[in-house]
Structure formats: C-alpha cells, structure tokens
PDB file of N, CA and C in Angstrom:
ATOM      1  N   MET A   1     -82.073 -49.026  52.246  1.00  0.00           N
ATOM      2  CA  MET A   1     -82.067 -47.622  52.613  1.00  0.00           C
ATOM      3  C   MET A   1     -80.710 -47.026  52.249  1.00  0.00           C
ATOM      4  N   GLN A   2     -80.732 -45.847  51.624  1.00  0.00           N
ATOM      5  CA  GLN A   2     -79.508 -45.156  51.236  1.00  0.00           C
ATOM      6  C   GLN A   2     -79.366 -43.871  52.038  1.00  0.00           C
ATOM      7  N   THR A   3     -78.123 -43.434  52.194  1.00  0.00           N
ATOM      8  CA  THR A   3     -77.829 -42.151  52.816  1.00  0.00           C
ATOM      9  C   THR A   3     -77.132 -41.283  51.783  1.00  0.00           C
ATOM     10  N   PHE A   4     -77.592 -40.059  51.613  1.00  0.00           N
ATOM     11  CA  PHE A   4     -76.970 -39.139  50.678  1.00  0.00           C
ATOM     12  C   PHE A   4     -77.180 -37.716  51.178  1.00  0.00           C
ATOM     13  N   ILE A   5     -76.408 -36.778  50.642  1.00  0.00           N
ATOM     14  CA  ILE A   5     -76.485 -35.383  51.069  1.00  0.00           C
ATOM     15  C   ILE A   5     -76.907 -34.511  49.890  1.00  0.00           C
ATOM     16  N   ILE A   6     -77.838 -33.617  50.166  1.00  0.00           N
ATOM     17  CA  ILE A   6     -78.243 -32.595  49.205  1.00  0.00           C
ATOM     18  C   ILE A   6     -77.890 -31.248  49.822  1.00  0.00           C
ATOM     19  N   ARG A   7     -77.247 -30.378  49.029  1.00  0.00           N
ATOM     20  CA  ARG A   7     -76.831 -29.057  49.508  1.00  0.00           C
ATOM     21  C   ARG A   7     -77.863 -27.990  49.137  1.00  0.00           C
ATOM     22  N   PHE A   8     -77.925 -26.967  50.001  1.00  0.00           N
ATOM     23  CA  PHE A   8     -78.867 -25.858  49.813  1.00  0.00           C
ATOM     24  C   PHE A   8     -78.117 -24.535  49.944  1.00  0.00           C
ATOM     25  N   PRO A   9     -78.583 -23.482  49.257  1.00  0.00           N
ATOM     26  CA  PRO A   9     -77.879 -22.208  49.293  1.00  0.00           C
ATOM     27  C   PRO A   9     -78.014 -21.456  50.623  1.00  0.00           C
ATOM     28  N   SER A  10     -78.980 -21.846  51.440  1.00  0.00           N
ATOM     29  CA  SER A  10     -79.161 -21.169  52.729  1.00  0.00           C
ATOM     30  C   SER A  10     -79.812 -22.122  53.729  1.00  0.00           C
ATOM     31  N   ILE A  11     -79.737 -21.740  54.985  1.00  0.00           N
ATOM     32  CA  ILE A  11     -80.357 -22.551  56.033  1.00  0.00           C
ATOM     33  C   ILE A  11     -81.877 -22.558  55.874  1.00  0.00           C
ATOM     34  N   THR A  12     -82.432 -21.476  55.338  1.00  0.00           N
ATOM     35  CA  THR A  12     -83.881 -21.391  55.139  1.00  0.00           C
ATOM     36  C   THR A  12     -84.377 -22.488  54.197  1.00  0.00           C
ATOM     37  N   TYR A  13     -83.695 -22.664  53.068  1.00  0.00           N
ATOM     38  CA  TYR A  13     -84.086 -23.724  52.135  1.00  0.00           C
ATOM     39  C   TYR A  13     -83.864 -25.112  52.733  1.00  0.00           C
ATOM     40  N   ALA A  14     -82.782 -25.282  53.468  1.00  0.00           N
ATOM     41  CA  ALA A  14     -82.508 -26.582  54.097  1.00  0.00           C
ATOM     42  C   ALA A  14     -83.591 -26.919  55.121  1.00  0.00           C
ATOM     43  N   GLN A  15     -83.985 -25.937  55.930  1.00  0.00           N
ATOM     44  CA  GLN A  15     -85.028 -26.174  56.925  1.00  0.00           C
ATOM     45  C   GLN A  15     -86.374 -26.471  56.265  1.00  0.00           C
ATOM     46  N   LYS A  16     -86.688 -25.729  55.212  1.00  0.00           N
ATOM     47  CA  LYS A  16     -87.947 -25.959  54.493  1.00  0.00           C
ATOM     48  C   LYS A  16     -87.972 -27.372  53.924  1.00  0.00           C
ATOM     49  N   ALA A  17     -86.870 -27.771  53.281  1.00  0.00           N
ATOM     50  CA  ALA A  17     -86.792 -29.122  52.711  1.00  0.00           C
ATOM     51  C   ALA A  17     -86.906 -30.172  53.798  1.00  0.00           C
ATOM     52  N   GLY A  18     -86.254 -29.938  54.934  1.00  0.00           N
ATOM     53  CA  GLY A  18     -86.331 -30.884  56.045  1.00  0.00           C
ATOM     54  C   GLY A  18     -87.755 -31.078  56.538  1.00  0.00           C
ATOM     55  N   ARG A  19     -88.495 -29.976  56.653  1.00  0.00           N
ATOM     56  CA  ARG A  19     -89.900 -30.066  57.089  1.00  0.00           C
ATOM     57  C   ARG A  19     -90.749 -30.825  56.071  1.00  0.00           C
ATOM     58  N   LEU A  20     -90.563 -30.512  54.785  1.00  0.00           N
ATOM     59  CA  LEU A  20     -91.331 -31.190  53.738  1.00  0.00           C
ATOM     60  C   LEU A  20     -91.043 -32.690  53.724  1.00  0.00           C
ATOM     61  N   LEU A  21     -89.773 -33.044  53.841  1.00  0.00           N
ATOM     62  CA  LEU A  21     -89.410 -34.466  53.837  1.00  0.00           C
ATOM     63  C   LEU A  21     -89.955 -35.174  55.071  1.00  0.00           C
ATOM     64  N   GLU A  22     -89.915 -34.504  56.219  1.00  0.00           N
ATOM     65  CA  GLU A  22     -90.450 -35.094  57.440  1.00  0.00           C
ATOM     66  C   GLU A  22     -91.941 -35.377  57.290  1.00  0.00           C
ATOM     67  N   GLN A  23     -92.674 -34.437  56.688  1.00  0.00           N
ATOM     68  CA  GLN A  23     -94.110 -34.635  56.458  1.00  0.00           C
ATOM     69  C   GLN A  23     -94.372 -35.816  55.537  1.00  0.00           C
ATOM     70  N   LYS A  24     -93.426 -36.081  54.655  1.00  0.00           N
ATOM     71  CA  LYS A  24     -93.547 -37.208  53.723  1.00  0.00           C
ATOM     72  C   LYS A  24     -93.048 -38.523  54.345  1.00  0.00           C
ATOM     73  N   GLY A  25     -92.508 -38.452  55.581  1.00  0.00           N
ATOM     74  CA  GLY A  25     -92.033 -39.644  56.272  1.00  0.00           C
ATOM     75  C   GLY A  25     -90.598 -40.017  55.945  1.00  0.00           C
ATOM     76  N   ILE A  26     -89.815 -39.057  55.430  1.00  0.00           N
ATOM     77  CA  ILE A  26     -88.414 -39.299  55.081  1.00  0.00           C
ATOM     78  C   ILE A  26     -87.534 -38.616  56.111  1.00  0.00           C
ATOM     79  N   ARG A  27     -86.594 -39.357  56.684  1.00  0.00           N
ATOM     80  CA  ARG A  27     -85.694 -38.801  57.698  1.00  0.00           C
ATOM     81  C   ARG A  27     -84.608 -37.956  57.047  1.00  0.00           C
ATOM     82  N   ALA A  28     -84.323 -36.811  57.667  1.00  0.00           N
ATOM     83  CA  ALA A  28     -83.260 -35.935  57.179  1.00  0.00           C
ATOM     84  C   ALA A  28     -82.641 -35.206  58.370  1.00  0.00           C
ATOM     85  N   ARG A  29     -81.326 -35.002  58.294  1.00  0.00           N
ATOM     86  CA  ARG A  29     -80.592 -34.320  59.366  1.00  0.00           C
ATOM     87  C   ARG A  29     -79.837 -33.138  58.776  1.00  0.00           C
ATOM     88  N   LEU A  30     -79.995 -31.965  59.381  1.00  0.00           N
ATOM     89  CA  LEU A  30     -79.337 -30.748  58.917  1.00  0.00           C
ATOM     90  C   LEU A  30     -77.828 -30.832  59.163  1.00  0.00           C
ATOM     91  N   THR A  31     -77.041 -30.457  58.144  1.00  0.00           N
ATOM     92  CA  THR A  31     -75.581 -30.429  58.266  1.00  0.00           C
ATOM     93  C   THR A  31     -75.074 -29.094  57.754  1.00  0.00           C
ATOM     94  N   ARG A  32     -73.886 -28.734  58.187  1.00  0.00           N
ATOM     95  CA  ARG A  32     -73.243 -27.500  57.717  1.00  0.00           C
ATOM     96  C   ARG A  32     -72.387 -27.835  56.510  1.00  0.00           C
ATOM     97  N   GLY A  33     -72.563 -27.094  55.417  1.00  0.00           N
ATOM     98  CA  GLY A  33     -71.839 -27.357  54.181  1.00  0.00           C
ATOM     99  C   GLY A  33     -70.350 -27.132  54.296  1.00  0.00           C
ATOM    100  N   ASN A  34     -69.958 -26.004  54.871  1.00  0.00           N
ATOM    101  CA  ASN A  34     -68.554 -25.698  55.087  1.00  0.00           C
ATOM    102  C   ASN A  34     -68.454 -24.626  56.161  1.00  0.00           C
ATOM    103  N   THR A  35     -67.251 -24.290  56.559  1.00  0.00           N
ATOM    104  CA  THR A  35     -67.083 -23.313  57.640  1.00  0.00           C
ATOM    105  C   THR A  35     -67.184 -21.882  57.150  1.00  0.00           C
ATOM    106  N   HIS A  36     -67.113 -21.658  55.839  1.00  0.00           N
ATOM    107  CA  HIS A  36     -67.214 -20.316  55.270  1.00  0.00           C
ATOM    108  C   HIS A  36     -68.434 -20.245  54.364  1.00  0.00           C
ATOM    109  N   GLY A  37     -69.179 -19.175  54.470  1.00  0.00           N
ATOM    110  CA  GLY A  37     -70.348 -19.026  53.615  1.00  0.00           C
ATOM    111  C   GLY A  37     -71.614 -19.538  54.270  1.00  0.00           C
ATOM    112  N   CYS A  38     -72.650 -19.648  53.466  1.00  0.00           N
ATOM    113  CA  CYS A  38     -73.983 -19.987  53.981  1.00  0.00           C
ATOM    114  C   CYS A  38     -74.469 -21.352  53.506  1.00  0.00           C
ATOM    115  N   SER A  39     -73.591 -22.209  53.088  1.00  0.00           N
ATOM    116  CA  SER A  39     -73.995 -23.498  52.546  1.00  0.00           C
ATOM    117  C   SER A  39     -74.431 -24.455  53.666  1.00  0.00           C
ATOM    118  N   TYR A  40     -75.591 -25.052  53.476  1.00  0.00           N
ATOM    119  CA  TYR A  40     -76.109 -26.057  54.402  1.00  0.00           C
ATOM    120  C   TYR A  40     -76.544 -27.268  53.598  1.00  0.00           C
ATOM    121  N   GLY A  41     -76.697 -28.371  54.275  1.00  0.00           N
ATOM    122  CA  GLY A  41     -77.128 -29.581  53.603  1.00  0.00           C
ATOM    123  C   GLY A  41     -78.054 -30.392  54.470  1.00  0.00           C
ATOM    124  N   LEU A  42     -78.642 -31.389  53.850  1.00  0.00           N
ATOM    125  CA  LEU A  42     -79.443 -32.374  54.570  1.00  0.00           C
ATOM    126  C   LEU A  42     -78.862 -33.747  54.282  1.00  0.00           C
ATOM    127  N   GLU A  43     -78.576 -34.466  55.334  1.00  0.00           N
ATOM    128  CA  GLU A  43     -78.206 -35.877  55.194  1.00  0.00           C
ATOM    129  C   GLU A  43     -79.525 -36.635  55.222  1.00  0.00           C
ATOM    130  N   ILE A  44     -79.834 -37.279  54.115  1.00  0.00           N
ATOM    131  CA  ILE A  44     -81.158 -37.870  53.922  1.00  0.00           C
ATOM    132  C   ILE A  44     -81.053 -39.393  53.911  1.00  0.00           C
ATOM    133  N   TYR A  45     -82.013 -40.028  54.574  1.00  0.00           N
ATOM    134  CA  TYR A  45     -82.102 -41.488  54.631  1.00  0.00           C
ATOM    135  C   TYR A  45     -83.364 -41.895  53.877  1.00  0.00           C
ATOM    136  N   ALA A  46     -83.205 -42.440  52.677  1.00  0.00           N
ATOM    137  CA  ALA A  46     -84.370 -42.777  51.858  1.00  0.00           C
ATOM    138  C   ALA A  46     -84.051 -43.930  50.915  1.00  0.00           C
ATOM    139  N   GLN A  47     -85.081 -44.512  50.346  1.00  0.00           N
ATOM    140  CA  GLN A  47     -84.921 -45.607  49.396  1.00  0.00           C
ATOM    141  C   GLN A  47     -84.371 -45.122  48.064  1.00  0.00           C
ATOM    142  N   SER A  48     -84.860 -43.964  47.602  1.00  0.00           N
ATOM    143  CA  SER A  48     -84.514 -43.509  46.260  1.00  0.00           C
ATOM    144  C   SER A  48     -84.123 -42.031  46.254  1.00  0.00           C
ATOM    145  N   PRO A  49     -82.852 -41.719  46.008  1.00  0.00           N
ATOM    146  CA  PRO A  49     -82.446 -40.311  45.907  1.00  0.00           C
ATOM    147  C   PRO A  49     -83.208 -39.570  44.801  1.00  0.00           C
ATOM    148  N   ASP A  50     -83.468 -40.245  43.693  1.00  0.00           N
ATOM    149  CA  ASP A  50     -84.183 -39.604  42.580  1.00  0.00           C
ATOM    150  C   ASP A  50     -85.601 -39.188  42.979  1.00  0.00           C
ATOM    151  N   GLU A  51     -86.256 -40.014  43.778  1.00  0.00           N
ATOM    152  CA  GLU A  51     -87.605 -39.692  44.239  1.00  0.00           C
ATOM    153  C   GLU A  51     -87.574 -38.456  45.145  1.00  0.00           C
ATOM    154  N   VAL A  52     -86.585 -38.369  46.021  1.00  0.00           N
ATOM    155  CA  VAL A  52     -86.460 -37.219  46.918  1.00  0.00           C
ATOM    156  C   VAL A  52     -86.192 -35.959  46.111  1.00  0.00           C
ATOM    157  N   LYS A  53     -85.283 -36.027  45.156  1.00  0.00           N
ATOM    158  CA  LYS A  53     -84.956 -34.869  44.323  1.00  0.00           C
ATOM    159  C   LYS A  53     -86.181 -34.396  43.532  1.00  0.00           C
ATOM    160  N   ALA A  54     -86.909 -35.318  42.958  1.00  0.00           N
ATOM    161  CA  ALA A  54     -88.112 -34.961  42.201  1.00  0.00           C
ATOM    162  C   ALA A  54     -89.150 -34.301  43.108  1.00  0.00           C
ATOM    163  N   PHE A  55     -89.318 -34.835  44.308  1.00  0.00           N
ATOM    164  CA  PHE A  55     -90.268 -34.264  45.261  1.00  0.00           C
ATOM    165  C   PHE A  55     -89.889 -32.832  45.622  1.00  0.00           C
ATOM    166  N   LEU A  56     -88.598 -32.584  45.921  1.00  0.00           N
ATOM    167  CA  LEU A  56     -88.155 -31.237  46.286  1.00  0.00           C
ATOM    168  C   LEU A  56     -88.317 -30.267  45.116  1.00  0.00           C
ATOM    169  N   GLU A  57     -88.046 -30.731  43.901  1.00  0.00           N
ATOM    170  CA  GLU A  57     -88.248 -29.880  42.726  1.00  0.00           C
ATOM    171  C   GLU A  57     -89.720 -29.507  42.570  1.00  0.00           C
ATOM    172  N   GLU A  58     -90.614 -30.472  42.777  1.00  0.00           N
ATOM    173  CA  GLU A  58     -92.052 -30.217  42.691  1.00  0.00           C
ATOM    174  C   GLU A  58     -92.486 -29.174  43.709  1.00  0.00           C
ATOM    175  N   GLN A  59     -91.832 -29.168  44.864  1.00  0.00           N
ATOM    176  CA  GLN A  59     -92.174 -28.247  45.944  1.00  0.00           C
ATOM    177  C   GLN A  59     -91.523 -26.876  45.781  1.00  0.00           C
ATOM    178  N   GLY A  60     -90.664 -26.722  44.759  1.00  0.00           N
ATOM    179  CA  GLY A  60     -90.023 -25.439  44.490  1.00  0.00           C
ATOM    180  C   GLY A  60     -88.835 -25.128  45.373  1.00  0.00           C
ATOM    181  N   VAL A  61     -88.227 -26.159  45.950  1.00  0.00           N
ATOM    182  CA  VAL A  61     -87.073 -25.957  46.815  1.00  0.00           C
ATOM    183  C   VAL A  61     -85.802 -25.923  45.971  1.00  0.00           C
ATOM    184  N   ILE A  62     -84.959 -24.904  46.182  1.00  0.00           N
ATOM    185  CA  ILE A  62     -83.705 -24.777  45.453  1.00  0.00           C
ATOM    186  C   ILE A  62     -82.636 -25.600  46.155  1.00  0.00           C
ATOM    187  N   PHE A  63     -81.929 -26.447  45.381  1.00  0.00           N
ATOM    188  CA  PHE A  63     -80.883 -27.290  45.957  1.00  0.00           C
ATOM    189  C   PHE A  63     -79.871 -27.639  44.885  1.00  0.00           C
ATOM    190  N   SER A  64     -78.777 -28.239  45.318  1.00  0.00           N
ATOM    191  CA  SER A  64     -77.786 -28.763  44.380  1.00  0.00           C
ATOM    192  C   SER A  64     -77.314 -30.101  44.911  1.00  0.00           C
ATOM    193  N   ILE A  65     -76.729 -30.876  44.030  1.00  0.00           N
ATOM    194  CA  ILE A  65     -76.252 -32.213  44.396  1.00  0.00           C
ATOM    195  C   ILE A  65     -74.809 -32.135  44.801  1.00  0.00           C
TER     196      ILE A  65
END
C-alpha cells in the first residue's frame, strides 16, 4: 500500500474525488494545500497511484500531481 497526495483546484473537486474513490473502495483523506488560496488535496492510500489517476481522469475530475 502506498500513500500519495493529489492536489485539486478547489474543495469541490477534492470532495468529488474523495466520494468517487470511496465508492471504489480506496481510502482518501482531505488535506489543505496551503494557507493561502483555494488549493486542497487528498492523501490517498492505494496500491497504484497510476490507477487512481487514470480513474479520476475517466471521471472528469480536474487535479494536479
């Protein structure tokens, strides 16, 4: 199991991604990107970061690494 963080441009995208990953059985925890601005992230616990990224892209979720 690996832990990695994916950043999102807003809390809305982070929450959407968190719900989608939860439905897929992948654990994710919401984090704050920084103290200024609207950056949020998900700390994700999964076997394959590439699989998670591909899944989020398929779902139309905007994110950055």
